[in-house]
Amino acid sequence: MQSDNYGFEKIAHRGASGEAPENTIPAIALAVQKYKVDRVEIDLRLTREGVPVVIHDATLERTTDGEGKIQQYSLAELKKWDAGFWFDPEGKKEFPYRAKGVTIPTL
């Protein structure tokens, strides 16, 4: 475990969520590779069949192009939604991760 000179650990909340869609592989990878964090905090929900997936909200609307509750879908169904759909880091309506294959990760 790394820490800075003062004994503090660097923890990324939902990955590098200011630069990539929160709780996605790109956000986690950026946090580890670019920011050299010690830990990444993620959020988990269960699919209909009880598979843990990495997503904060109980519903799909805020972070994907899907609708409804996570628990009502199977993993295969959830993997169809675009987890980069709404991500717009600079508020310019440019959506750099939209349609780039970013999906809801599994644990």
PDB file of N, CA and C in Angstrom:
ATOM      1  N   MET A   1       0.837  -1.176   0.000  1.00  0.00           N
ATOM      2  CA  MET A   1       0.000   0.000   0.000  1.00  0.00           C
ATOM      3  C   MET A   1       0.885   1.243   0.000  1.00  0.00           C
ATOM      4  N   GLN A   2       0.625   2.153  -0.907  1.00  0.00           N
ATOM      5  CA  GLN A   2       1.381   3.389  -0.986  1.00  0.00           C
ATOM      6  C   GLN A   2       0.682   4.466  -0.168  1.00  0.00           C
ATOM      7  N   SER A   3       1.426   5.452   0.192  1.00  0.00           N
ATOM      8  CA  SER A   3       0.822   6.629   0.797  1.00  0.00           C
ATOM      9  C   SER A   3       1.751   7.802   0.531  1.00  0.00           C
ATOM     10  N   ASP A   4       1.255   9.002   0.745  1.00  0.00           N
ATOM     11  CA  ASP A   4       2.119  10.160   0.530  1.00  0.00           C
ATOM     12  C   ASP A   4       3.064  10.317   1.725  1.00  0.00           C
ATOM     13  N   ASN A   5       3.838  11.353   1.719  1.00  0.00           N
ATOM     14  CA  ASN A   5       4.825  11.569   2.782  1.00  0.00           C
ATOM     15  C   ASN A   5       4.201  11.814   4.145  1.00  0.00           C
ATOM     16  N   TYR A   6       2.910  12.089   4.171  1.00  0.00           N
ATOM     17  CA  TYR A   6       2.229  12.359   5.434  1.00  0.00           C
ATOM     18  C   TYR A   6       1.424  11.171   5.930  1.00  0.00           C
ATOM     19  N   GLY A   7       1.487  10.060   5.239  1.00  0.00           N
ATOM     20  CA  GLY A   7       0.772   8.864   5.659  1.00  0.00           C
ATOM     21  C   GLY A   7      -0.647   8.752   5.133  1.00  0.00           C
ATOM     22  N   PHE A   8      -1.055   9.666   4.263  1.00  0.00           N
ATOM     23  CA  PHE A   8      -2.393   9.627   3.704  1.00  0.00           C
ATOM     24  C   PHE A   8      -2.433   8.729   2.477  1.00  0.00           C
ATOM     25  N   GLU A   9      -3.511   8.004   2.310  1.00  0.00           N
ATOM     26  CA  GLU A   9      -3.735   7.233   1.092  1.00  0.00           C
ATOM     27  C   GLU A   9      -4.561   8.073   0.126  1.00  0.00           C
ATOM     28  N   LYS A  10      -4.327   7.864  -1.157  1.00  0.00           N
ATOM     29  CA  LYS A  10      -5.133   8.530  -2.179  1.00  0.00           C
ATOM     30  C   LYS A  10      -6.244   7.574  -2.586  1.00  0.00           C
ATOM     31  N   ILE A  11      -7.474   8.033  -2.450  1.00  0.00           N
ATOM     32  CA  ILE A  11      -8.638   7.209  -2.772  1.00  0.00           C
ATOM     33  C   ILE A  11      -9.471   7.927  -3.826  1.00  0.00           C
ATOM     34  N   ALA A  12      -9.772   7.233  -4.911  1.00  0.00           N
ATOM     35  CA  ALA A  12     -10.588   7.810  -5.978  1.00  0.00           C
ATOM     36  C   ALA A  12     -12.040   7.386  -5.778  1.00  0.00           C
ATOM     37  N   HIS A  13     -12.917   8.366  -5.636  1.00  0.00           N
ATOM     38  CA  HIS A  13     -14.339   8.110  -5.454  1.00  0.00           C
ATOM     39  C   HIS A  13     -14.986   7.821  -6.804  1.00  0.00           C
ATOM     40  N   ARG A  14     -15.416   6.580  -7.010  1.00  0.00           N
ATOM     41  CA  ARG A  14     -16.015   6.129  -8.273  1.00  0.00           C
ATOM     42  C   ARG A  14     -15.025   6.204  -9.434  1.00  0.00           C
ATOM     43  N   GLY A  15     -13.735   6.082  -9.122  1.00  0.00           N
ATOM     44  CA  GLY A  15     -12.691   6.187 -10.132  1.00  0.00           C
ATOM     45  C   GLY A  15     -12.381   7.642 -10.407  1.00  0.00           C
ATOM     46  N   ALA A  16     -11.784   7.920 -11.543  1.00  0.00           N
ATOM     47  CA  ALA A  16     -11.519   9.308 -11.952  1.00  0.00           C
ATOM     48  C   ALA A  16     -12.794   9.835 -12.596  1.00  0.00           C
ATOM     49  N   SER A  17     -13.803  10.015 -11.777  1.00  0.00           N
ATOM     50  CA  SER A  17     -15.155  10.307 -12.268  1.00  0.00           C
ATOM     51  C   SER A  17     -15.322  11.697 -12.872  1.00  0.00           C
ATOM     52  N   GLY A  18     -14.323  12.541 -12.759  1.00  0.00           N
ATOM     53  CA  GLY A  18     -14.371  13.834 -13.425  1.00  0.00           C
ATOM     54  C   GLY A  18     -13.867  13.772 -14.855  1.00  0.00           C
ATOM     55  N   GLU A  19     -13.190  12.657 -15.181  1.00  0.00           N
ATOM     56  CA  GLU A  19     -12.598  12.515 -16.511  1.00  0.00           C
ATOM     57  C   GLU A  19     -13.155  11.355 -17.316  1.00  0.00           C
ATOM     58  N   ALA A  20     -13.893  10.472 -16.676  1.00  0.00           N
ATOM     59  CA  ALA A  20     -14.494   9.309 -17.343  1.00  0.00           C
ATOM     60  C   ALA A  20     -15.777   8.963 -16.594  1.00  0.00           C
ATOM     61  N   PRO A  21     -16.691   8.253 -17.228  1.00  0.00           N
ATOM     62  CA  PRO A  21     -17.957   7.926 -16.566  1.00  0.00           C
ATOM     63  C   PRO A  21     -17.726   7.170 -15.249  1.00  0.00           C
ATOM     64  N   GLU A  22     -18.339   7.666 -14.200  1.00  0.00           N
ATOM     65  CA  GLU A  22     -18.157   7.084 -12.873  1.00  0.00           C
ATOM     66  C   GLU A  22     -18.425   5.580 -12.839  1.00  0.00           C
ATOM     67  N   ASN A  23     -17.660   4.898 -11.993  1.00  0.00           N
ATOM     68  CA  ASN A  23     -17.840   3.458 -11.781  1.00  0.00           C
ATOM     69  C   ASN A  23     -17.706   2.625 -13.055  1.00  0.00           C
ATOM     70  N   THR A  24     -16.861   3.063 -13.990  1.00  0.00           N
ATOM     71  CA  THR A  24     -16.618   2.288 -15.199  1.00  0.00           C
ATOM     72  C   THR A  24     -15.141   1.911 -15.263  1.00  0.00           C
ATOM     73  N   ILE A  25     -14.820   0.967 -16.132  1.00  0.00           N
ATOM     74  CA  ILE A  25     -13.429   0.556 -16.297  1.00  0.00           C
ATOM     75  C   ILE A  25     -12.546   1.743 -16.692  1.00  0.00           C
ATOM     76  N   PRO A  26     -12.955   2.601 -17.642  1.00  0.00           N
ATOM     77  CA  PRO A  26     -12.104   3.755 -17.955  1.00  0.00           C
ATOM     78  C   PRO A  26     -11.837   4.664 -16.744  1.00  0.00           C
ATOM     79  N   ALA A  27     -12.832   4.889 -15.912  1.00  0.00           N
ATOM     80  CA  ALA A  27     -12.651   5.743 -14.734  1.00  0.00           C
ATOM     81  C   ALA A  27     -11.709   5.098 -13.721  1.00  0.00           C
ATOM     82  N   ILE A  28     -11.853   3.805 -13.525  1.00  0.00           N
ATOM     83  CA  ILE A  28     -10.988   3.088 -12.587  1.00  0.00           C
ATOM     84  C   ILE A  28      -9.553   3.054 -13.122  1.00  0.00           C
ATOM     85  N   ALA A  29      -9.394   2.762 -14.415  1.00  0.00           N
ATOM     86  CA  ALA A  29      -8.064   2.700 -15.019  1.00  0.00           C
ATOM     87  C   ALA A  29      -7.355   4.055 -14.946  1.00  0.00           C
ATOM     88  N   LEU A  30      -8.071   5.131 -15.234  1.00  0.00           N
ATOM     89  CA  LEU A  30      -7.474   6.471 -15.142  1.00  0.00           C
ATOM     90  C   LEU A  30      -7.026   6.782 -13.719  1.00  0.00           C
ATOM     91  N   ALA A  31      -7.837   6.432 -12.753  1.00  0.00           N
ATOM     92  CA  ALA A  31      -7.495   6.701 -11.358  1.00  0.00           C
ATOM     93  C   ALA A  31      -6.202   5.994 -10.967  1.00  0.00           C
ATOM     94  N   VAL A  32      -6.072   4.752 -11.385  1.00  0.00           N
ATOM     95  CA  VAL A  32      -4.891   3.960 -11.032  1.00  0.00           C
ATOM     96  C   VAL A  32      -3.672   4.393 -11.843  1.00  0.00           C
ATOM     97  N   GLN A  33      -3.837   4.500 -13.146  1.00  0.00           N
ATOM     98  CA  GLN A  33      -2.694   4.778 -14.019  1.00  0.00           C
ATOM     99  C   GLN A  33      -2.250   6.247 -13.992  1.00  0.00           C
ATOM    100  N   LYS A  34      -3.184   7.155 -14.124  1.00  0.00           N
ATOM    101  CA  LYS A  34      -2.829   8.574 -14.201  1.00  0.00           C
ATOM    102  C   LYS A  34      -2.584   9.195 -12.829  1.00  0.00           C
ATOM    103  N   TYR A  35      -3.457   8.868 -11.874  1.00  0.00           N
ATOM    104  CA  TYR A  35      -3.378   9.515 -10.567  1.00  0.00           C
ATOM    105  C   TYR A  35      -2.693   8.669  -9.497  1.00  0.00           C
ATOM    106  N   LYS A  36      -2.349   7.441  -9.850  1.00  0.00           N
ATOM    107  CA  LYS A  36      -1.603   6.558  -8.941  1.00  0.00           C
ATOM    108  C   LYS A  36      -2.277   6.444  -7.573  1.00  0.00           C
ATOM    109  N   VAL A  37      -3.602   6.268  -7.587  1.00  0.00           N
ATOM    110  CA  VAL A  37      -4.328   6.160  -6.323  1.00  0.00           C
ATOM    111  C   VAL A  37      -4.013   4.841  -5.628  1.00  0.00           C
ATOM    112  N   ASP A  38      -4.207   4.835  -4.328  1.00  0.00           N
ATOM    113  CA  ASP A  38      -3.990   3.631  -3.540  1.00  0.00           C
ATOM    114  C   ASP A  38      -5.220   2.732  -3.533  1.00  0.00           C
ATOM    115  N   ARG A  39      -6.382   3.353  -3.614  1.00  0.00           N
ATOM    116  CA  ARG A  39      -7.649   2.622  -3.585  1.00  0.00           C
ATOM    117  C   ARG A  39      -8.666   3.319  -4.479  1.00  0.00           C
ATOM    118  N   VAL A  40      -9.642   2.542  -4.932  1.00  0.00           N
ATOM    119  CA  VAL A  40     -10.762   3.091  -5.694  1.00  0.00           C
ATOM    120  C   VAL A  40     -12.041   2.674  -4.989  1.00  0.00           C
ATOM    121  N   GLU A  41     -12.870   3.656  -4.655  1.00  0.00           N
ATOM    122  CA  GLU A  41     -14.174   3.377  -4.045  1.00  0.00           C
ATOM    123  C   GLU A  41     -15.164   3.178  -5.183  1.00  0.00           C
ATOM    124  N   ILE A  42     -15.895   2.067  -5.143  1.00  0.00           N
ATOM    125  CA  ILE A  42     -16.912   1.790  -6.146  1.00  0.00           C
ATOM    126  C   ILE A  42     -18.225   1.480  -5.449  1.00  0.00           C
ATOM    127  N   ASP A  43     -19.293   1.483  -6.220  1.00  0.00           N
ATOM    128  CA  ASP A  43     -20.620   1.177  -5.712  1.00  0.00           C
ATOM    129  C   ASP A  43     -21.120  -0.081  -6.391  1.00  0.00           C
ATOM    130  N   LEU A  44     -21.857  -0.904  -5.656  1.00  0.00           N
ATOM    131  CA  LEU A  44     -22.362  -2.162  -6.202  1.00  0.00           C
ATOM    132  C   LEU A  44     -23.872  -2.264  -6.083  1.00  0.00           C
ATOM    133  N   ARG A  45     -24.458  -2.882  -7.077  1.00  0.00           N
ATOM    134  CA  ARG A  45     -25.878  -3.242  -7.087  1.00  0.00           C
ATOM    135  C   ARG A  45     -25.962  -4.677  -7.585  1.00  0.00           C
ATOM    136  N   LEU A  46     -27.079  -5.329  -7.327  1.00  0.00           N
ATOM    137  CA  LEU A  46     -27.267  -6.701  -7.785  1.00  0.00           C
ATOM    138  C   LEU A  46     -28.232  -6.763  -8.955  1.00  0.00           C
ATOM    139  N   THR A  47     -27.899  -7.601  -9.935  1.00  0.00           N
ATOM    140  CA  THR A  47     -28.794  -7.840 -11.063  1.00  0.00           C
ATOM    141  C   THR A  47     -29.957  -8.718 -10.613  1.00  0.00           C
ATOM    142  N   ARG A  48     -30.864  -8.969 -11.524  1.00  0.00           N
ATOM    143  CA  ARG A  48     -32.007  -9.823 -11.227  1.00  0.00           C
ATOM    144  C   ARG A  48     -31.569 -11.186 -10.712  1.00  0.00           C
ATOM    145  N   GLU A  49     -30.473 -11.732 -11.281  1.00  0.00           N
ATOM    146  CA  GLU A  49     -30.011 -13.047 -10.870  1.00  0.00           C
ATOM    147  C   GLU A  49     -28.983 -13.006  -9.736  1.00  0.00           C
ATOM    148  N   GLY A  50     -28.752 -11.797  -9.190  1.00  0.00           N
ATOM    149  CA  GLY A  50     -27.867 -11.664  -8.036  1.00  0.00           C
ATOM    150  C   GLY A  50     -26.398 -11.436  -8.353  1.00  0.00           C
ATOM    151  N   VAL A  51     -26.068 -11.050  -9.573  1.00  0.00           N
ATOM    152  CA  VAL A  51     -24.682 -10.757  -9.948  1.00  0.00           C
ATOM    153  C   VAL A  51     -24.354  -9.321  -9.536  1.00  0.00           C
ATOM    154  N   PRO A  52     -23.246  -9.108  -8.806  1.00  0.00           N
ATOM    155  CA  PRO A  52     -22.878  -7.744  -8.448  1.00  0.00           C
ATOM    156  C   PRO A  52     -22.343  -6.980  -9.653  1.00  0.00           C
ATOM    157  N   VAL A  53     -22.899  -5.782  -9.880  1.00  0.00           N
ATOM    158  CA  VAL A  53     -22.431  -4.901 -10.940  1.00  0.00           C
ATOM    159  C   VAL A  53     -22.011  -3.577 -10.315  1.00  0.00           C
ATOM    160  N   VAL A  54     -21.094  -2.882 -10.998  1.00  0.00           N
ATOM    161  CA  VAL A  54     -20.526  -1.644 -10.474  1.00  0.00           C
ATOM    162  C   VAL A  54     -21.314  -0.463 -11.022  1.00  0.00           C
ATOM    163  N   ILE A  55     -22.206   0.057 -10.181  1.00  0.00           N
ATOM    164  CA  ILE A  55     -23.024   1.223 -10.524  1.00  0.00           C
ATOM    165  C   ILE A  55     -23.554   1.815  -9.217  1.00  0.00           C
ATOM    166  N   HIS A  56     -23.636   3.122  -9.141  1.00  0.00           N
ATOM    167  CA  HIS A  56     -24.065   3.778  -7.908  1.00  0.00           C
ATOM    168  C   HIS A  56     -25.577   3.753  -7.714  1.00  0.00           C
ATOM    169  N   ASP A  57     -26.303   4.206  -8.699  1.00  0.00           N
ATOM    170  CA  ASP A  57     -27.750   4.373  -8.552  1.00  0.00           C
ATOM    171  C   ASP A  57     -28.489   3.047  -8.627  1.00  0.00           C
ATOM    172  N   ALA A  58     -29.670   3.019  -8.034  1.00  0.00           N
ATOM    173  CA  ALA A  58     -30.530   1.831  -8.124  1.00  0.00           C
ATOM    174  C   ALA A  58     -31.218   1.753  -9.482  1.00  0.00           C
ATOM    175  N   THR A  59     -31.157   2.859 -10.227  1.00  0.00           N
ATOM    176  CA  THR A  59     -31.785   2.912 -11.552  1.00  0.00           C
ATOM    177  C   THR A  59     -30.742   3.288 -12.607  1.00  0.00           C
ATOM    178  N   LEU A  60     -31.117   3.114 -13.863  1.00  0.00           N
ATOM    179  CA  LEU A  60     -30.201   3.311 -14.986  1.00  0.00           C
ATOM    180  C   LEU A  60     -30.171   4.720 -15.567  1.00  0.00           C
ATOM    181  N   GLU A  61     -31.191   5.493 -15.354  1.00  0.00           N
ATOM    182  CA  GLU A  61     -31.399   6.743 -16.087  1.00  0.00           C
ATOM    183  C   GLU A  61     -30.283   7.777 -15.986  1.00  0.00           C
ATOM    184  N   ARG A  62     -29.684   7.978 -14.847  1.00  0.00           N
ATOM    185  CA  ARG A  62     -28.703   9.062 -14.686  1.00  0.00           C
ATOM    186  C   ARG A  62     -27.382   8.777 -15.405  1.00  0.00           C
ATOM    187  N   THR A  63     -26.962   7.524 -15.439  1.00  0.00           N
ATOM    188  CA  THR A  63     -25.630   7.227 -15.975  1.00  0.00           C
ATOM    189  C   THR A  63     -25.612   6.402 -17.258  1.00  0.00           C
ATOM    190  N   THR A  64     -26.751   5.916 -17.711  1.00  0.00           N
ATOM    191  CA  THR A  64     -26.793   5.120 -18.944  1.00  0.00           C
ATOM    192  C   THR A  64     -27.948   5.587 -19.829  1.00  0.00           C
ATOM    193  N   ASP A  65     -28.056   4.952 -20.986  1.00  0.00           N
ATOM    194  CA  ASP A  65     -29.195   5.246 -21.869  1.00  0.00           C
ATOM    195  C   ASP A  65     -30.363   4.296 -21.604  1.00  0.00           C
ATOM    196  N   GLY A  66     -30.291   3.565 -20.513  1.00  0.00           N
ATOM    197  CA  GLY A  66     -31.363   2.639 -20.144  1.00  0.00           C
ATOM    198  C   GLY A  66     -32.349   3.258 -19.182  1.00  0.00           C
ATOM    199  N   GLU A  67     -33.395   2.504 -18.884  1.00  0.00           N
ATOM    200  CA  GLU A  67     -34.435   2.939 -17.941  1.00  0.00           C
ATOM    201  C   GLU A  67     -34.780   1.798 -17.011  1.00  0.00           C
ATOM    202  N   GLY A  68     -35.136   2.128 -15.800  1.00  0.00           N
ATOM    203  CA  GLY A  68     -35.606   1.137 -14.850  1.00  0.00           C
ATOM    204  C   GLY A  68     -34.583   0.798 -13.783  1.00  0.00           C
ATOM    205  N   LYS A  69     -34.987  -0.118 -12.905  1.00  0.00           N
ATOM    206  CA  LYS A  69     -34.152  -0.524 -11.778  1.00  0.00           C
ATOM    207  C   LYS A  69     -33.147  -1.594 -12.200  1.00  0.00           C
ATOM    208  N   ILE A  70     -31.951  -1.490 -11.654  1.00  0.00           N
ATOM    209  CA  ILE A  70     -30.894  -2.460 -11.929  1.00  0.00           C
ATOM    210  C   ILE A  70     -31.386  -3.874 -11.644  1.00  0.00           C
ATOM    211  N   GLN A  71     -32.044  -4.056 -10.521  1.00  0.00           N
ATOM    212  CA  GLN A  71     -32.443  -5.390 -10.077  1.00  0.00           C
ATOM    213  C   GLN A  71     -33.491  -6.053 -10.974  1.00  0.00           C
ATOM    214  N   GLN A  72     -34.109  -5.306 -11.866  1.00  0.00           N
ATOM    215  CA  GLN A  72     -35.111  -5.914 -12.747  1.00  0.00           C
ATOM    216  C   GLN A  72     -34.480  -6.517 -14.003  1.00  0.00           C
ATOM    217  N   TYR A  73     -33.174  -6.283 -14.207  1.00  0.00           N
ATOM    218  CA  TYR A  73     -32.496  -6.756 -15.416  1.00  0.00           C
ATOM    219  C   TYR A  73     -31.486  -7.857 -15.121  1.00  0.00           C
ATOM    220  N   SER A  74     -31.281  -8.727 -16.104  1.00  0.00           N
ATOM    221  CA  SER A  74     -30.212  -9.717 -16.027  1.00  0.00           C
ATOM    222  C   SER A  74     -28.902  -9.024 -16.388  1.00  0.00           C
ATOM    223  N   LEU A  75     -27.792  -9.687 -16.126  1.00  0.00           N
ATOM    224  CA  LEU A  75     -26.498  -9.126 -16.495  1.00  0.00           C
ATOM    225  C   LEU A  75     -26.414  -8.909 -18.005  1.00  0.00           C
ATOM    226  N   ALA A  76     -26.856  -9.858 -18.773  1.00  0.00           N
ATOM    227  CA  ALA A  76     -26.813  -9.739 -20.236  1.00  0.00           C
ATOM    228  C   ALA A  76     -27.619  -8.528 -20.712  1.00  0.00           C
ATOM    229  N   GLU A  77     -28.757  -8.290 -20.096  1.00  0.00           N
ATOM    230  CA  GLU A  77     -29.571  -7.128 -20.464  1.00  0.00           C
ATOM    231  C   GLU A  77     -28.875  -5.825 -20.083  1.00  0.00           C
ATOM    232  N   LEU A  78     -28.266  -5.772 -18.902  1.00  0.00           N
ATOM    233  CA  LEU A  78     -27.581  -4.563 -18.452  1.00  0.00           C
ATOM    234  C   LEU A  78     -26.384  -4.222 -19.327  1.00  0.00           C
ATOM    235  N   LYS A  79     -25.721  -5.229 -19.847  1.00  0.00           N
ATOM    236  CA  LYS A  79     -24.539  -5.009 -20.688  1.00  0.00           C
ATOM    237  C   LYS A  79     -24.890  -4.331 -22.014  1.00  0.00           C
ATOM    238  N   LYS A  80     -26.162  -4.247 -22.352  1.00  0.00           N
ATOM    239  CA  LYS A  80     -26.591  -3.589 -23.587  1.00  0.00           C
ATOM    240  C   LYS A  80     -26.634  -2.066 -23.452  1.00  0.00           C
ATOM    241  N   TRP A  81     -26.675  -1.563 -22.218  1.00  0.00           N
ATOM    242  CA  TRP A  81     -26.800  -0.128 -22.009  1.00  0.00           C
ATOM    243  C   TRP A  81     -25.445   0.555 -22.095  1.00  0.00           C
ATOM    244  N   ASP A  82     -25.440   1.789 -22.566  1.00  0.00           N
ATOM    245  CA  ASP A  82     -24.234   2.599 -22.741  1.00  0.00           C
ATOM    246  C   ASP A  82     -23.952   3.379 -21.455  1.00  0.00           C
ATOM    247  N   ALA A  83     -22.909   2.974 -20.719  1.00  0.00           N
ATOM    248  CA  ALA A  83     -22.565   3.628 -19.452  1.00  0.00           C
ATOM    249  C   ALA A  83     -21.809   4.935 -19.654  1.00  0.00           C
ATOM    250  N   GLY A  84     -21.499   5.283 -20.886  1.00  0.00           N
ATOM    251  CA  GLY A  84     -20.870   6.554 -21.180  1.00  0.00           C
ATOM    252  C   GLY A  84     -21.822   7.548 -21.805  1.00  0.00           C
ATOM    253  N   PHE A  85     -23.071   7.170 -21.931  1.00  0.00           N
ATOM    254  CA  PHE A  85     -24.057   7.951 -22.672  1.00  0.00           C
ATOM    255  C   PHE A  85     -24.198   9.395 -22.193  1.00  0.00           C
ATOM    256  N   TRP A  86     -24.356   9.606 -20.898  1.00  0.00           N
ATOM    257  CA  TRP A  86     -24.618  10.950 -20.366  1.00  0.00           C
ATOM    258  C   TRP A  86     -23.368  11.684 -19.905  1.00  0.00           C
ATOM    259  N   PHE A  87     -22.207  11.043 -19.923  1.00  0.00           N
ATOM    260  CA  PHE A  87     -21.004  11.672 -19.374  1.00  0.00           C
ATOM    261  C   PHE A  87     -20.548  12.836 -20.243  1.00  0.00           C
ATOM    262  N   ASP A  88     -20.531  14.024 -19.643  1.00  0.00           N
ATOM    263  CA  ASP A  88     -20.174  15.265 -20.330  1.00  0.00           C
ATOM    264  C   ASP A  88     -19.318  16.094 -19.371  1.00  0.00           C
ATOM    265  N   PRO A  89     -18.008  15.809 -19.297  1.00  0.00           N
ATOM    266  CA  PRO A  89     -17.170  16.392 -18.248  1.00  0.00           C
ATOM    267  C   PRO A  89     -17.079  17.911 -18.243  1.00  0.00           C
ATOM    268  N   GLU A  90     -17.221  18.535 -19.367  1.00  0.00           N
ATOM    269  CA  GLU A  90     -17.084  19.984 -19.421  1.00  0.00           C
ATOM    270  C   GLU A  90     -18.408  20.703 -19.653  1.00  0.00           C
ATOM    271  N   GLY A  91     -19.507  19.964 -19.664  1.00  0.00           N
ATOM    272  CA  GLY A  91     -20.812  20.573 -19.843  1.00  0.00           C
ATOM    273  C   GLY A  91     -21.040  21.184 -21.212  1.00  0.00           C
ATOM    274  N   LYS A  92     -20.320  20.680 -22.201  1.00  0.00           N
ATOM    275  CA  LYS A  92     -20.427  21.235 -23.557  1.00  0.00           C
ATOM    276  C   LYS A  92     -21.281  20.374 -24.484  1.00  0.00           C
ATOM    277  N   LYS A  93     -21.933  19.388 -23.915  1.00  0.00           N
ATOM    278  CA  LYS A  93     -22.755  18.458 -24.683  1.00  0.00           C
ATOM    279  C   LYS A  93     -21.938  17.767 -25.778  1.00  0.00           C
ATOM    280  N   GLU A  94     -20.726  17.328 -25.391  1.00  0.00           N
ATOM    281  CA  GLU A  94     -19.848  16.639 -26.339  1.00  0.00           C
ATOM    282  C   GLU A  94     -19.811  15.126 -26.123  1.00  0.00           C
ATOM    283  N   PHE A  95     -20.076  14.623 -24.936  1.00  0.00           N
ATOM    284  CA  PHE A  95     -20.229  13.199 -24.621  1.00  0.00           C
ATOM    285  C   PHE A  95     -19.121  12.318 -25.218  1.00  0.00           C
ATOM    286  N   PRO A  96     -17.888  12.483 -24.742  1.00  0.00           N
ATOM    287  CA  PRO A  96     -16.751  11.778 -25.332  1.00  0.00           C
ATOM    288  C   PRO A  96     -16.766  10.260 -25.195  1.00  0.00           C
ATOM    289  N   TYR A  97     -17.543   9.717 -24.281  1.00  0.00           N
ATOM    290  CA  TYR A  97     -17.584   8.265 -24.099  1.00  0.00           C
ATOM    291  C   TYR A  97     -18.833   7.622 -24.694  1.00  0.00           C
ATOM    292  N   ARG A  98     -19.729   8.417 -25.240  1.00  0.00           N
ATOM    293  CA  ARG A  98     -20.968   7.888 -25.810  1.00  0.00           C
ATOM    294  C   ARG A  98     -20.646   6.987 -27.006  1.00  0.00           C
ATOM    295  N   ALA A  99     -21.289   5.814 -27.034  1.00  0.00           N
ATOM    296  CA  ALA A  99     -21.132   4.851 -28.130  1.00  0.00           C
ATOM    297  C   ALA A  99     -19.689   4.388 -28.311  1.00  0.00           C
ATOM    298  N   LYS A 100     -18.940   4.321 -27.211  1.00  0.00           N
ATOM    299  CA  LYS A 100     -17.549   3.864 -27.260  1.00  0.00           C
ATOM    300  C   LYS A 100     -17.383   2.483 -26.625  1.00  0.00           C
ATOM    301  N   GLY A 101     -18.491   1.820 -26.347  1.00  0.00           N
ATOM    302  CA  GLY A 101     -18.409   0.466 -25.778  1.00  0.00           C
ATOM    303  C   GLY A 101     -18.250   0.403 -24.275  1.00  0.00           C
ATOM    304  N   VAL A 102     -18.468   1.515 -23.583  1.00  0.00           N
ATOM    305  CA  VAL A 102     -18.371   1.531 -22.122  1.00  0.00           C
ATOM    306  C   VAL A 102     -19.662   0.973 -21.548  1.00  0.00           C
ATOM    307  N   THR A 103     -19.541  -0.103 -20.810  1.00  0.00           N
ATOM    308  CA  THR A 103     -20.720  -0.740 -20.218  1.00  0.00           C
ATOM    309  C   THR A 103     -20.597  -0.762 -18.691  1.00  0.00           C
ATOM    310  N   ILE A 104     -21.652  -1.203 -18.039  1.00  0.00           N
ATOM    311  CA  ILE A 104     -21.645  -1.365 -16.589  1.00  0.00           C
ATOM    312  C   ILE A 104     -20.754  -2.566 -16.270  1.00  0.00           C
ATOM    313  N   PRO A 105     -19.681  -2.370 -15.480  1.00  0.00           N
ATOM    314  CA  PRO A 105     -18.785  -3.497 -15.176  1.00  0.00           C
ATOM    315  C   PRO A 105     -19.374  -4.432 -14.128  1.00  0.00           C
ATOM    316  N   THR A 106     -18.867  -5.635 -14.117  1.00  0.00           N
ATOM    317  CA  THR A 106     -19.183  -6.571 -13.035  1.00  0.00           C
ATOM    318  C   THR A 106     -18.078  -6.477 -11.995  1.00  0.00           C
ATOM    319  N   LEU A 107     -18.376  -6.968 -10.803  1.00  0.00           N
ATOM    320  CA  LEU A 107     -17.370  -6.967  -9.762  1.00  0.00           C
ATOM    321  C   LEU A 107     -16.338  -8.014 -10.097  1.00  0.00           C
TER     322      LEU A 107
END
